[in-house]
Amino acid sequence: MKGQAVIHSESPLIDLGEGVTRRILAYNEQIMAVEVAFRQGARGAVHTHPHTQMSYVLSGRFSYSIEGEETLLGPGDSIVVPSGLPHGTLCLEEGILLDVFTPMREDFLPAK
């Protein structure tokens, strides 16, 4: 299988509502990169999924919660969420997260 290049400007921006947008970047069956932008005060509601997730803060400031334990994150910081643990975030200062999932999030793909 050849690699995959994703041109940022050609990847659709998905409005999730309430100040959050998502852009799917490169992915295959084993891994997926997703850019998630938050306005100040926006939340990524507490949720769980079977994927391991790593979030890297590209910009802004976030209060990130895993199983109710809060961690403050800023540019250059990262966090790993093991499969199945409840987690969410509150955006303290407008910013962007780079989320990486393994395996890829099929539920993020448009229905065919």
Protein backbone atom coordinates (compact mmCIF):
# COMPACT_ATOMS: atom_id res chain seq x y z
CA MET A 1 0.00 0.00 0.00
CA LYS A 2 1.26 3.44 -0.89
CA GLY A 3 1.24 6.28 1.60
CA GLN A 4 -1.50 8.89 1.80
CA ALA A 5 -1.07 12.65 1.50
CA VAL A 6 -3.84 14.93 2.71
CA ILE A 7 -3.88 18.54 1.56
CA HIS A 8 -5.21 20.57 4.50
CA SER A 9 -7.22 22.99 2.37
CA GLU A 10 -8.90 20.08 0.58
CA SER A 11 -9.98 18.25 3.73
CA PRO A 12 -13.51 19.32 4.72
CA LEU A 13 -14.07 21.18 7.98
CA ILE A 14 -16.89 19.58 9.96
CA ASP A 15 -18.85 21.85 12.32
CA LEU A 16 -19.68 19.85 15.44
CA GLY A 17 -21.58 22.80 16.96
CA GLU A 18 -21.07 24.74 20.17
CA GLY A 19 -17.69 26.14 19.09
CA VAL A 20 -15.99 22.93 17.97
CA THR A 21 -14.86 21.92 14.45
CA ARG A 22 -13.10 18.79 13.23
CA ARG A 23 -10.93 18.10 10.18
CA ILE A 24 -9.89 14.53 9.37
CA LEU A 25 -6.28 14.32 8.28
CA ALA A 26 -4.35 11.27 7.06
CA TYR A 27 -5.46 7.82 8.16
CA ASN A 28 -5.47 4.12 7.41
CA GLU A 29 -6.99 1.17 9.27
CA GLN A 30 -4.42 1.33 12.07
CA ILE A 31 -4.16 5.09 12.78
CA MET A 32 -5.98 8.40 12.23
CA ALA A 33 -4.97 12.03 12.76
CA VAL A 34 -7.71 14.60 13.40
CA GLU A 35 -7.46 18.36 13.92
CA VAL A 36 -10.04 19.66 16.41
CA ALA A 37 -10.48 23.44 16.87
CA PHE A 38 -12.20 24.92 19.93
CA ARG A 39 -13.45 28.40 20.74
CA GLN A 40 -12.81 29.57 24.28
CA GLY A 41 -15.34 27.94 26.61
CA ALA A 42 -16.18 25.12 24.20
CA ARG A 43 -16.24 21.59 25.55
CA GLY A 44 -15.40 18.17 24.31
CA ALA A 45 -18.03 16.33 26.37
CA VAL A 46 -16.92 13.43 28.56
CA HIS A 47 -17.14 10.25 26.52
CA THR A 48 -15.49 6.86 26.00
CA HIS A 49 -14.46 4.84 22.95
CA PRO A 50 -12.46 1.67 22.30
CA HIS A 51 -9.61 3.57 20.60
CA THR A 52 -6.37 4.67 22.25
CA GLN A 53 -6.11 8.45 21.80
CA MET A 54 -3.22 10.86 22.00
CA SER A 55 -3.96 14.61 22.04
CA TYR A 56 -1.26 17.17 21.23
CA VAL A 57 -1.94 20.86 21.85
CA LEU A 58 -1.06 22.88 18.76
CA SER A 59 -2.38 26.13 20.26
CA GLY A 60 -4.54 27.38 23.10
CA ARG A 61 -5.04 26.10 26.64
CA PHE A 62 -7.19 23.18 27.77
CA SER A 63 -8.36 21.55 30.97
CA TYR A 64 -8.29 17.89 30.02
CA SER A 65 -10.06 15.29 32.16
CA ILE A 66 -9.41 11.54 32.26
CA GLU A 67 -11.59 9.59 34.71
CA GLY A 68 -12.31 12.89 36.51
CA GLU A 69 -8.64 13.80 36.99
CA GLU A 70 -7.95 17.26 35.51
CA THR A 71 -4.71 18.20 33.75
CA LEU A 72 -3.95 21.68 32.37
CA LEU A 73 -2.38 21.57 28.90
CA GLY A 74 -0.86 24.28 26.71
CA PRO A 75 1.01 24.49 23.40
CA GLY A 76 3.42 21.58 22.96
CA ASP A 77 1.82 19.47 25.72
CA SER A 78 0.33 16.06 25.02
CA ILE A 79 -1.70 13.40 26.80
CA VAL A 80 -2.60 9.76 26.12
CA VAL A 81 -6.03 8.33 26.86
CA PRO A 82 -6.11 4.54 27.11
CA SER A 83 -8.97 2.67 25.47
CA GLY A 84 -12.30 2.84 27.30
CA LEU A 85 -11.53 5.57 29.86
CA PRO A 86 -13.99 8.48 30.29
CA HIS A 87 -12.38 11.70 29.09
CA GLY A 88 -13.23 15.20 27.89
CA THR A 89 -11.87 18.73 27.68
CA LEU A 90 -12.75 22.35 28.36
CA CYS A 91 -11.07 24.98 26.18
CA LEU A 92 -9.70 27.73 28.43
CA GLU A 93 -8.12 29.73 25.58
CA GLU A 94 -9.13 29.28 21.92
CA GLY A 95 -6.99 26.60 20.36
CA ILE A 96 -6.44 23.48 18.31
CA LEU A 97 -5.76 19.88 19.31
CA LEU A 98 -4.19 17.24 17.10
CA ASP A 99 -5.85 13.97 18.08
CA VAL A 100 -4.36 10.67 16.98
CA PHE A 101 -6.39 7.46 17.30
CA THR A 102 -5.47 3.82 17.01
CA PRO A 103 -7.14 2.05 15.42
CA MET A 104 -8.73 4.67 13.16
CA ARG A 105 -12.17 6.11 14.01
CA GLU A 106 -14.51 4.64 11.42
CA ASP A 107 -17.36 6.56 13.07
CA PHE A 108 -15.69 9.84 11.99
CA LEU A 109 -15.88 8.93 8.29
CA PRO A 110 -18.82 10.10 6.18
CA ALA A 111 -21.44 7.46 5.48
CA LYS A 112 -21.02 5.84 2.09
